[in-house]
């Protein structure tokens, strides 16, 4: 049981208050978890659509040229990457929108996406001799765009309630 009040209003039994607040609290937790799940599924779906449409004609030839072998998808590393990207959305982007409430939510999210994808691609460009500027720009712009979309979706899912 959760106690949210130290005092009970006159005439209201204490058990009723505890039950009401407990139910409300649990309901809020379930709604928040459901929102997080929906938000995560939307992001993963968006990225899977992007990768599946761009891998054959763009990413595959570039990466095969860089690594001089056939491109192989490794699920373990992909799961870690998605976990970290989702953590970025939940623990950096969302708190930033609360820190800067007057800014456009999509703008805040897109700036974080620009930084994350930009750092990744600029580092690859710095250390991999066959990592072209086209790859760097397109993938960085994708990160900026995908996070901007997630900022818009965040506003719809979370702020409409």
C-alpha atoms as a PDB file:
ATOM      1  CA  UNK A   1       0.000   0.000   0.000  1.00  0.00           C
ATOM      2  CA  UNK A   2       1.106   3.538  -0.755  1.00  0.00           C
ATOM      3  CA  UNK A   3       0.529   6.434   1.614  1.00  0.00           C
ATOM      4  CA  UNK A   4       0.470   9.747  -0.223  1.00  0.00           C
ATOM      5  CA  UNK A   5      -1.172  11.838   2.480  1.00  0.00           C
ATOM      6  CA  UNK A   6      -0.291  12.291   6.085  1.00  0.00           C
ATOM      7  CA  UNK A   7      -3.739  13.615   6.904  1.00  0.00           C
ATOM      8  CA  UNK A   8      -7.107  12.306   5.835  1.00  0.00           C
ATOM      9  CA  UNK A   9      -9.891  14.771   4.961  1.00  0.00           C
ATOM     10  CA  UNK A  10     -12.721  14.877   7.510  1.00  0.00           C
ATOM     11  CA  UNK A  11     -15.360  12.233   7.020  1.00  0.00           C
ATOM     12  CA  UNK A  12     -13.365  10.074   4.581  1.00  0.00           C
ATOM     13  CA  UNK A  13     -12.285   6.646   5.860  1.00  0.00           C
ATOM     14  CA  UNK A  14      -8.504   6.160   5.773  1.00  0.00           C
ATOM     15  CA  UNK A  15      -8.780   2.852   3.860  1.00  0.00           C
ATOM     16  CA  UNK A  16     -10.698   4.556   1.040  1.00  0.00           C
ATOM     17  CA  UNK A  17      -7.962   7.172   0.583  1.00  0.00           C
ATOM     18  CA  UNK A  18      -5.219   4.534   0.517  1.00  0.00           C
ATOM     19  CA  UNK A  19      -7.098   2.421  -2.026  1.00  0.00           C
ATOM     20  CA  UNK A  20      -7.863   5.409  -4.240  1.00  0.00           C
ATOM     21  CA  UNK A  21      -4.289   6.654  -4.302  1.00  0.00           C
ATOM     22  CA  UNK A  22      -2.882   3.163  -4.741  1.00  0.00           C
ATOM     23  CA  UNK A  23      -5.113   2.466  -7.726  1.00  0.00           C
ATOM     24  CA  UNK A  24      -4.359   5.859  -9.276  1.00  0.00           C
ATOM     25  CA  UNK A  25      -0.633   5.409  -8.704  1.00  0.00           C
ATOM     26  CA  UNK A  26      -0.616   1.919 -10.246  1.00  0.00           C
ATOM     27  CA  UNK A  27      -2.702   3.145 -13.164  1.00  0.00           C
ATOM     28  CA  UNK A  28      -0.230   5.964 -13.840  1.00  0.00           C
ATOM     29  CA  UNK A  29       2.681   3.519 -13.761  1.00  0.00           C
ATOM     30  CA  UNK A  30       0.965   1.184 -16.249  1.00  0.00           C
ATOM     31  CA  UNK A  31       0.107   4.073 -18.584  1.00  0.00           C
ATOM     32  CA  UNK A  32       3.682   5.360 -18.439  1.00  0.00           C
ATOM     33  CA  UNK A  33       5.077   1.876 -19.142  1.00  0.00           C
ATOM     34  CA  UNK A  34       2.652   1.459 -22.043  1.00  0.00           C
ATOM     35  CA  UNK A  35       3.678   4.862 -23.432  1.00  0.00           C
ATOM     36  CA  UNK A  36       7.360   3.890 -23.167  1.00  0.00           C
ATOM     37  CA  UNK A  37       6.672   0.592 -24.920  1.00  0.00           C
ATOM     38  CA  UNK A  38       4.722   2.264 -27.737  1.00  0.00           C
ATOM     39  CA  UNK A  39       7.414   4.942 -28.086  1.00  0.00           C
ATOM     40  CA  UNK A  40      10.154   2.275 -28.254  1.00  0.00           C
ATOM     41  CA  UNK A  41       8.290   0.184 -30.833  1.00  0.00           C
ATOM     42  CA  UNK A  42       7.703   3.251 -33.006  1.00  0.00           C
ATOM     43  CA  UNK A  43      11.401   4.160 -32.934  1.00  0.00           C
ATOM     44  CA  UNK A  44      12.551   0.619 -33.688  1.00  0.00           C
ATOM     45  CA  UNK A  45      10.010   0.305 -36.516  1.00  0.00           C
ATOM     46  CA  UNK A  46      11.077   3.637 -37.982  1.00  0.00           C
ATOM     47  CA  UNK A  47      14.749   2.646 -37.915  1.00  0.00           C
ATOM     48  CA  UNK A  48      14.085  -0.836 -39.319  1.00  0.00           C
ATOM     49  CA  UNK A  49      12.156   0.704 -42.226  1.00  0.00           C
ATOM     50  CA  UNK A  50      15.060   3.076 -42.895  1.00  0.00           C
ATOM     51  CA  UNK A  51      17.722   0.373 -42.699  1.00  0.00           C
ATOM     52  CA  UNK A  52      15.789  -2.155 -44.782  1.00  0.00           C
ATOM     53  CA  UNK A  53      15.161   0.399 -47.509  1.00  0.00           C
ATOM     54  CA  UNK A  54      18.717   1.793 -47.515  1.00  0.00           C
ATOM     55  CA  UNK A  55      20.890  -1.272 -46.866  1.00  0.00           C
ATOM     56  CA  UNK A  56      20.809  -2.841 -50.321  1.00  0.00           C
ATOM     57  CA  UNK A  57      21.586   0.221 -52.398  1.00  0.00           C
ATOM     58  CA  UNK A  58      23.518   2.435 -50.021  1.00  0.00           C
ATOM     59  CA  UNK A  59      24.882   0.909 -46.810  1.00  0.00           C
ATOM     60  CA  UNK A  60      25.841  -2.579 -48.034  1.00  0.00           C
ATOM     61  CA  UNK A  61      28.211  -1.490 -50.860  1.00  0.00           C
ATOM     62  CA  UNK A  62      29.841   1.161 -48.662  1.00  0.00           C
ATOM     63  CA  UNK A  63      30.444  -1.132 -45.706  1.00  0.00           C
ATOM     64  CA  UNK A  64      31.618  -4.026 -47.889  1.00  0.00           C
ATOM     65  CA  UNK A  65      34.137  -1.667 -49.491  1.00  0.00           C
ATOM     66  CA  UNK A  66      35.316  -0.521 -46.058  1.00  0.00           C
ATOM     67  CA  UNK A  67      35.623  -3.953 -44.455  1.00  0.00           C
ATOM     68  CA  UNK A  68      36.540  -5.856 -47.644  1.00  0.00           C
ATOM     69  CA  UNK A  69      34.138  -8.678 -46.802  1.00  0.00           C
ATOM     70  CA  UNK A  70      30.427  -9.455 -47.040  1.00  0.00           C
ATOM     71  CA  UNK A  71      28.240  -7.412 -44.706  1.00  0.00           C
ATOM     72  CA  UNK A  72      26.868  -9.573 -41.883  1.00  0.00           C
ATOM     73  CA  UNK A  73      24.178  -8.475 -39.466  1.00  0.00           C
ATOM     74  CA  UNK A  74      25.067  -9.239 -35.844  1.00  0.00           C
ATOM     75  CA  UNK A  75      21.981  -9.133 -33.661  1.00  0.00           C
ATOM     76  CA  UNK A  76      23.767  -8.812 -30.307  1.00  0.00           C
ATOM     77  CA  UNK A  77      25.498  -5.575 -31.241  1.00  0.00           C
ATOM     78  CA  UNK A  78      22.306  -4.257 -32.836  1.00  0.00           C
ATOM     79  CA  UNK A  79      20.407  -4.873 -29.575  1.00  0.00           C
ATOM     80  CA  UNK A  80      23.053  -2.975 -27.596  1.00  0.00           C
ATOM     81  CA  UNK A  81      22.910  -0.078 -30.086  1.00  0.00           C
ATOM     82  CA  UNK A  82      19.101   0.114 -29.919  1.00  0.00           C
ATOM     83  CA  UNK A  83      19.159  -0.102 -26.134  1.00  0.00           C
ATOM     84  CA  UNK A  84      21.589   2.829 -25.990  1.00  0.00           C
ATOM     85  CA  UNK A  85      19.568   4.850 -28.510  1.00  0.00           C
ATOM     86  CA  UNK A  86      16.366   4.253 -26.529  1.00  0.00           C
ATOM     87  CA  UNK A  87      18.200   5.182 -23.324  1.00  0.00           C
ATOM     88  CA  UNK A  88      19.255   8.409 -25.035  1.00  0.00           C
ATOM     89  CA  UNK A  89      15.647   9.158 -25.939  1.00  0.00           C
ATOM     90  CA  UNK A  90      14.346   8.430 -22.432  1.00  0.00           C
ATOM     91  CA  UNK A  91      17.175   9.785 -20.269  1.00  0.00           C
ATOM     92  CA  UNK A  92      18.515  12.672 -22.344  1.00  0.00           C
ATOM     93  CA  UNK A  93      15.904  13.877 -24.852  1.00  0.00           C
ATOM     94  CA  UNK A  94      12.829  13.726 -22.632  1.00  0.00           C
ATOM     95  CA  UNK A  95      14.508  15.426 -19.629  1.00  0.00           C
ATOM     96  CA  UNK A  96      15.866  18.111 -21.973  1.00  0.00           C
ATOM     97  CA  UNK A  97      12.335  18.966 -23.084  1.00  0.00           C
ATOM     98  CA  UNK A  98      11.501  19.591 -19.441  1.00  0.00           C
ATOM     99  CA  UNK A  99      14.674  21.665 -18.992  1.00  0.00           C
ATOM    100  CA  UNK A 100      13.841  23.781 -22.057  1.00  0.00           C
ATOM    101  CA  UNK A 101      10.027  23.832 -22.141  1.00  0.00           C
ATOM    102  CA  UNK A 102       9.824  26.877 -24.435  1.00  0.00           C
ATOM    103  CA  UNK A 103      11.798  25.135 -27.192  1.00  0.00           C
ATOM    104  CA  UNK A 104      10.159  23.022 -29.865  1.00  0.00           C
ATOM    105  CA  UNK A 105      10.252  19.389 -28.706  1.00  0.00           C
ATOM    106  CA  UNK A 106      11.272  18.131 -32.151  1.00  0.00           C
ATOM    107  CA  UNK A 107      14.119  20.634 -32.236  1.00  0.00           C
ATOM    108  CA  UNK A 108      15.488  19.441 -28.892  1.00  0.00           C
ATOM    109  CA  UNK A 109      15.275  15.784 -29.961  1.00  0.00           C
ATOM    110  CA  UNK A 110      16.777  16.486 -33.399  1.00  0.00           C
ATOM    111  CA  UNK A 111      19.763  18.291 -31.883  1.00  0.00           C
ATOM    112  CA  UNK A 112      20.538  15.253 -29.720  1.00  0.00           C
ATOM    113  CA  UNK A 113      20.172  12.969 -32.776  1.00  0.00           C
ATOM    114  CA  UNK A 114      22.467  15.245 -34.766  1.00  0.00           C
ATOM    115  CA  UNK A 115      25.109  15.072 -32.032  1.00  0.00           C
ATOM    116  CA  UNK A 116      24.956  11.298 -31.518  1.00  0.00           C
ATOM    117  CA  UNK A 117      24.905  10.304 -35.178  1.00  0.00           C
ATOM    118  CA  UNK A 118      27.325  13.101 -36.054  1.00  0.00           C
ATOM    119  CA  UNK A 119      29.901  11.934 -33.511  1.00  0.00           C
ATOM    120  CA  UNK A 120      29.582   8.335 -34.729  1.00  0.00           C
ATOM    121  CA  UNK A 121      29.925   9.259 -38.401  1.00  0.00           C
ATOM    122  CA  UNK A 122      32.670  11.848 -37.941  1.00  0.00           C
ATOM    123  CA  UNK A 123      34.685   9.342 -35.908  1.00  0.00           C
ATOM    124  CA  UNK A 124      34.229   6.717 -38.633  1.00  0.00           C
ATOM    125  CA  UNK A 125      35.275   9.289 -41.223  1.00  0.00           C
ATOM    126  CA  UNK A 126      38.360  10.116 -39.180  1.00  0.00           C
ATOM    127  CA  UNK A 127      39.604   6.541 -38.754  1.00  0.00           C
ATOM    128  CA  UNK A 128      38.250   4.619 -41.766  1.00  0.00           C
ATOM    129  CA  UNK A 129      39.873   5.646 -45.033  1.00  0.00           C
ATOM    130  CA  UNK A 130      36.959   4.454 -47.221  1.00  0.00           C
ATOM    131  CA  UNK A 131      34.226   6.089 -45.122  1.00  0.00           C
ATOM    132  CA  UNK A 132      33.017   8.778 -47.503  1.00  0.00           C
ATOM    133  CA  UNK A 133      31.508  12.146 -46.831  1.00  0.00           C
ATOM    134  CA  UNK A 134      28.239  10.998 -48.449  1.00  0.00           C
ATOM    135  CA  UNK A 135      27.901   8.221 -45.870  1.00  0.00           C
ATOM    136  CA  UNK A 136      28.754  10.654 -43.103  1.00  0.00           C
ATOM    137  CA  UNK A 137      26.201  13.253 -44.188  1.00  0.00           C
ATOM    138  CA  UNK A 138      23.325  10.923 -45.047  1.00  0.00           C
ATOM    139  CA  UNK A 139      23.584   8.894 -41.846  1.00  0.00           C
ATOM    140  CA  UNK A 140      23.969  12.004 -39.669  1.00  0.00           C
ATOM    141  CA  UNK A 141      20.956  13.625 -41.322  1.00  0.00           C
ATOM    142  CA  UNK A 142      19.011  10.408 -40.747  1.00  0.00           C
ATOM    143  CA  UNK A 143      19.830  10.560 -37.030  1.00  0.00           C
ATOM    144  CA  UNK A 144      18.746  14.187 -36.859  1.00  0.00           C
ATOM    145  CA  UNK A 145      15.529  13.469 -38.783  1.00  0.00           C
ATOM    146  CA  UNK A 146      14.622  10.271 -36.907  1.00  0.00           C
ATOM    147  CA  UNK A 147      15.071  11.937 -33.531  1.00  0.00           C
ATOM    148  CA  UNK A 148      13.010  14.943 -34.716  1.00  0.00           C
ATOM    149  CA  UNK A 149      10.192  12.547 -35.645  1.00  0.00           C
ATOM    150  CA  UNK A 150      10.479  10.937 -32.227  1.00  0.00           C
ATOM    151  CA  UNK A 151      10.235  14.398 -30.634  1.00  0.00           C
ATOM    152  CA  UNK A 152       6.995  14.983 -32.496  1.00  0.00           C
ATOM    153  CA  UNK A 153       5.688  11.541 -31.480  1.00  0.00           C
ATOM    154  CA  UNK A 154       6.743  12.198 -27.874  1.00  0.00           C
ATOM    155  CA  UNK A 155       4.631  15.342 -27.891  1.00  0.00           C
ATOM    156  CA  UNK A 156       1.637  13.365 -29.210  1.00  0.00           C
ATOM    157  CA  UNK A 157       1.954  10.375 -26.859  1.00  0.00           C
ATOM    158  CA  UNK A 158       3.089  12.006 -23.618  1.00  0.00           C
ATOM    159  CA  UNK A 159       2.031  15.620 -23.640  1.00  0.00           C
ATOM    160  CA  UNK A 160      -1.496  15.055 -24.891  1.00  0.00           C
ATOM    161  CA  UNK A 161      -2.456  13.358 -21.628  1.00  0.00           C
END
